[in-house]
Amino acid sequence: MPRRSLGEHRRRLSALADEVLRLRVALPRRERLLAGLAHALRAVLAASLGYWAALGLGLEQGFWAAITAISVTQSSYAEVRHSSRDQFVGAMIGGLVGLAAATLGHEHYLAYVLAVMVGMLMCWLLNLGAAGRISGITSTIILLVPHEGAFWQFALFRLGEVTLGAVAALLVTRMFDLLERRWFGDAPS
């Protein structure tokens, strides 16, 4: 099989994204409304589950779990699984790189810039480009958001909250998938 250039891959991905958008716009307004309602309900249920689970475990900033749950919520379990993996890997890499930058270059902006870049590059090298955004966000949270206590503790709590949010989104989406199968039958392959 011939090797395709980066430009060719980008062109093909762009064409695919355009086609998905065209199909979504082609849906009748009622179906778009119902799909949007189902997605919003999934997101708010996952966010609520993540938020209350974090608070129940004594994590004071459960909103990170809610944010994560909303950000990984998709229309299918497989999509949520991939998004959750990216979220977890990105948070792990961003947390470790951010922690190293905080330890070695505390309060130097250059340490922050390098941490974001190193984390994103690591994700790309692992072929997880989407995790790179999360890595950059996690490093930003660790290095730029004011907090009390040790950096390692702050990073560990954020990772725990991200994990709770991702697990909440997985559980809610799995429940929705099971209900949809029961009510509408299996989706055509």
Protein backbone atom coordinates (compact mmCIF):
# COMPACT_ATOMS: atom_id res chain seq x y z
CA MET A 1 0.00 0.00 0.00
CA PRO A 2 1.50 3.38 -0.96
CA ARG A 3 2.39 5.73 1.84
CA ARG A 4 0.22 8.86 1.95
CA SER A 5 1.57 12.29 2.79
CA LEU A 6 0.44 14.29 5.78
CA GLY A 7 -1.30 16.69 3.40
CA GLU A 8 -3.27 13.83 1.83
CA HIS A 9 -4.35 12.56 5.26
CA ARG A 10 -5.45 16.04 6.27
CA ARG A 11 -7.41 16.46 3.04
CA ARG A 12 -9.18 13.12 3.50
CA LEU A 13 -9.99 13.86 7.17
CA SER A 14 -11.35 17.27 6.21
CA ALA A 15 -13.54 15.73 3.50
CA LEU A 16 -14.85 13.16 6.00
CA ALA A 17 -15.63 15.87 8.57
CA ASP A 18 -17.44 17.87 5.89
CA GLU A 19 -19.52 14.81 4.97
CA VAL A 20 -20.48 14.16 8.61
CA LEU A 21 -21.52 17.79 8.98
CA ARG A 22 -23.54 17.60 5.75
CA LEU A 23 -25.34 14.48 7.01
CA ARG A 24 -26.11 16.11 10.36
CA VAL A 25 -27.47 19.26 8.70
CA ALA A 26 -29.58 17.09 6.38
CA LEU A 27 -31.46 15.61 9.32
CA PRO A 28 -34.94 17.04 9.78
CA ARG A 29 -35.18 19.64 12.53
CA ARG A 30 -37.19 17.32 14.81
CA GLU A 31 -34.53 14.58 14.63
CA ARG A 32 -31.76 17.12 15.28
CA LEU A 33 -33.69 18.38 18.30
CA LEU A 34 -34.17 14.84 19.65
CA ALA A 35 -30.51 13.95 19.04
CA GLY A 36 -29.40 17.15 20.76
CA LEU A 37 -31.75 16.50 23.68
CA ALA A 38 -30.42 12.94 24.09
CA HIS A 39 -26.83 14.21 23.98
CA ALA A 40 -27.53 16.99 26.48
CA LEU A 41 -29.26 14.54 28.82
CA ARG A 42 -26.28 12.16 28.63
CA ALA A 43 -23.88 15.01 29.35
CA VAL A 44 -25.80 16.42 32.31
CA LEU A 45 -26.33 12.98 33.87
CA ALA A 46 -22.64 12.12 33.47
CA ALA A 47 -21.59 15.53 34.82
CA SER A 48 -23.89 15.15 37.83
CA LEU A 49 -22.66 11.62 38.56
CA GLY A 50 -19.02 12.69 38.30
CA TYR A 51 -19.56 15.80 40.39
CA TRP A 52 -21.38 14.08 43.23
CA ALA A 53 -18.97 11.12 43.21
CA ALA A 54 -16.01 13.49 43.56
CA LEU A 55 -17.66 15.36 46.42
CA GLY A 56 -18.62 12.06 48.03
CA LEU A 57 -14.98 10.98 47.96
CA GLY A 58 -13.92 14.22 49.64
CA LEU A 59 -12.48 15.92 46.57
CA GLU A 60 -13.26 19.58 47.06
CA GLN A 61 -13.30 20.57 43.39
CA GLY A 62 -15.78 18.13 41.89
CA PHE A 63 -16.43 20.54 39.05
CA TRP A 64 -13.34 19.09 37.30
CA ALA A 65 -15.11 15.71 37.19
CA ALA A 66 -18.23 17.39 35.78
CA ILE A 67 -16.19 19.24 33.15
CA THR A 68 -14.44 16.03 32.14
CA ALA A 69 -17.73 14.12 31.91
CA ILE A 70 -19.20 16.74 29.60
CA SER A 71 -16.07 16.91 27.47
CA VAL A 72 -15.92 13.15 26.85
CA THR A 73 -19.64 12.53 26.39
CA GLN A 74 -20.37 11.35 22.85
CA SER A 75 -23.20 9.59 21.05
CA SER A 76 -21.85 6.06 21.38
CA TYR A 77 -20.04 4.00 23.97
CA ALA A 78 -17.10 3.36 21.60
CA GLU A 79 -16.64 7.11 21.06
CA VAL A 80 -16.79 7.78 24.80
CA ARG A 81 -14.28 4.99 25.44
CA HIS A 82 -11.80 6.55 22.98
CA SER A 83 -12.43 10.06 24.29
CA SER A 84 -12.04 8.85 27.90
CA ARG A 85 -8.77 7.13 27.03
CA ASP A 86 -7.49 10.35 25.47
CA GLN A 87 -8.66 12.31 28.50
CA PHE A 88 -6.95 9.96 30.96
CA VAL A 89 -3.69 9.65 29.00
CA GLY A 90 -3.57 13.39 28.39
CA ALA A 91 -4.24 14.14 32.05
CA MET A 92 -1.61 11.62 33.13
CA ILE A 93 1.06 12.96 30.78
CA GLY A 94 0.14 16.60 31.43
CA GLY A 95 0.12 15.94 35.15
CA LEU A 96 3.53 14.28 35.17
CA VAL A 97 5.12 16.85 32.86
CA GLY A 98 3.44 19.70 34.74
CA LEU A 99 4.62 18.27 38.05
CA ALA A 100 8.19 17.98 36.74
CA ALA A 101 8.05 21.56 35.43
CA ALA A 102 6.64 22.82 38.73
CA THR A 103 9.40 21.06 40.65
CA LEU A 104 12.27 22.11 38.38
CA GLY A 105 11.14 25.54 37.22
CA HIS A 106 8.62 26.71 39.80
CA GLU A 107 6.93 29.96 38.77
CA HIS A 108 8.97 30.44 35.60
CA TYR A 109 6.76 30.97 32.59
CA LEU A 110 9.28 29.23 30.33
CA ALA A 111 8.83 26.06 32.43
CA TYR A 112 5.10 26.26 31.73
CA VAL A 113 5.63 26.74 27.98
CA LEU A 114 8.04 23.80 27.83
CA ALA A 115 5.70 21.60 29.87
CA VAL A 116 2.79 22.21 27.50
CA MET A 117 4.95 21.58 24.45
CA VAL A 118 6.64 18.44 25.84
CA GLY A 119 3.33 16.94 26.95
CA MET A 120 1.68 17.59 23.60
CA LEU A 121 4.65 16.19 21.70
CA MET A 122 4.65 13.05 23.84
CA CYS A 123 0.98 12.47 23.05
CA TRP A 124 1.60 12.92 19.33
CA LEU A 125 4.48 10.47 19.48
CA LEU A 126 2.12 7.97 21.11
CA ASN A 127 -0.31 8.57 18.22
CA LEU A 128 -2.82 10.16 20.60
CA GLY A 129 -3.05 13.68 19.23
CA ALA A 130 -6.39 14.36 20.93
CA ALA A 131 -4.78 13.53 24.28
CA GLY A 132 -2.28 16.30 23.56
CA ARG A 133 -4.90 19.00 24.09
CA ILE A 134 -5.79 17.48 27.45
CA SER A 135 -2.12 17.24 28.36
CA GLY A 136 -1.69 20.95 27.65
CA ILE A 137 -4.80 21.82 29.63
CA THR A 138 -3.69 19.69 32.58
CA SER A 139 -0.23 21.27 32.63
CA THR A 140 -1.89 24.69 32.48
CA ILE A 141 -4.12 23.84 35.43
CA ILE A 142 -1.22 22.54 37.50
CA LEU A 143 1.15 25.39 36.69
CA LEU A 144 -1.13 28.42 36.35
CA VAL A 145 -4.22 27.81 38.53
CA PRO A 146 -3.60 29.09 42.07
CA HIS A 147 -3.77 26.36 44.69
CA GLU A 148 -2.66 25.49 48.19
CA GLY A 149 -0.53 22.51 49.10
CA ALA A 150 2.00 20.47 47.23
CA PHE A 151 2.00 20.31 43.43
CA TRP A 152 1.97 16.48 43.49
CA GLN A 153 -1.17 16.49 45.63
CA PHE A 154 -2.89 19.00 43.35
CA ALA A 155 -1.94 16.93 40.28
CA LEU A 156 -3.14 13.70 41.90
CA PHE A 157 -6.50 15.20 42.84
CA ARG A 158 -7.03 16.55 39.31
CA LEU A 159 -6.22 13.12 37.87
CA GLY A 160 -8.70 11.53 40.27
CA GLU A 161 -11.40 14.00 39.29
CA VAL A 162 -10.71 13.49 35.57
CA THR A 163 -10.96 9.73 36.07
CA LEU A 164 -14.27 10.07 37.92
CA GLY A 165 -15.69 12.26 35.15
CA ALA A 166 -14.60 9.84 32.43
CA VAL A 167 -15.99 6.83 34.32
CA ALA A 168 -19.28 8.69 34.84
CA ALA A 169 -19.54 9.42 31.10
CA LEU A 170 -18.78 5.77 30.30
CA LEU A 171 -21.45 4.51 32.71
CA VAL A 172 -24.14 6.92 31.52
CA THR A 173 -23.40 6.27 27.85
CA ARG A 174 -23.43 2.51 28.42
CA MET A 175 -26.82 2.83 30.11
CA PHE A 176 -28.16 4.91 27.21
CA ASP A 177 -26.82 2.40 24.67
CA LEU A 178 -28.55 -0.47 26.47
CA LEU A 179 -31.83 1.46 26.68
CA GLU A 180 -31.66 2.43 22.99
CA ARG A 181 -31.08 -1.20 21.99
CA ARG A 182 -33.99 -2.33 24.10
CA TRP A 183 -36.35 0.35 22.75
CA PHE A 184 -35.20 0.56 19.12
CA GLY A 185 -33.35 -2.70 18.48
CA ASP A 186 -29.75 -3.01 17.33
CA ALA A 187 -28.44 -0.29 15.07
CA PRO A 188 -27.63 -1.39 11.52
CA SER A 189 -23.94 -2.04 10.97
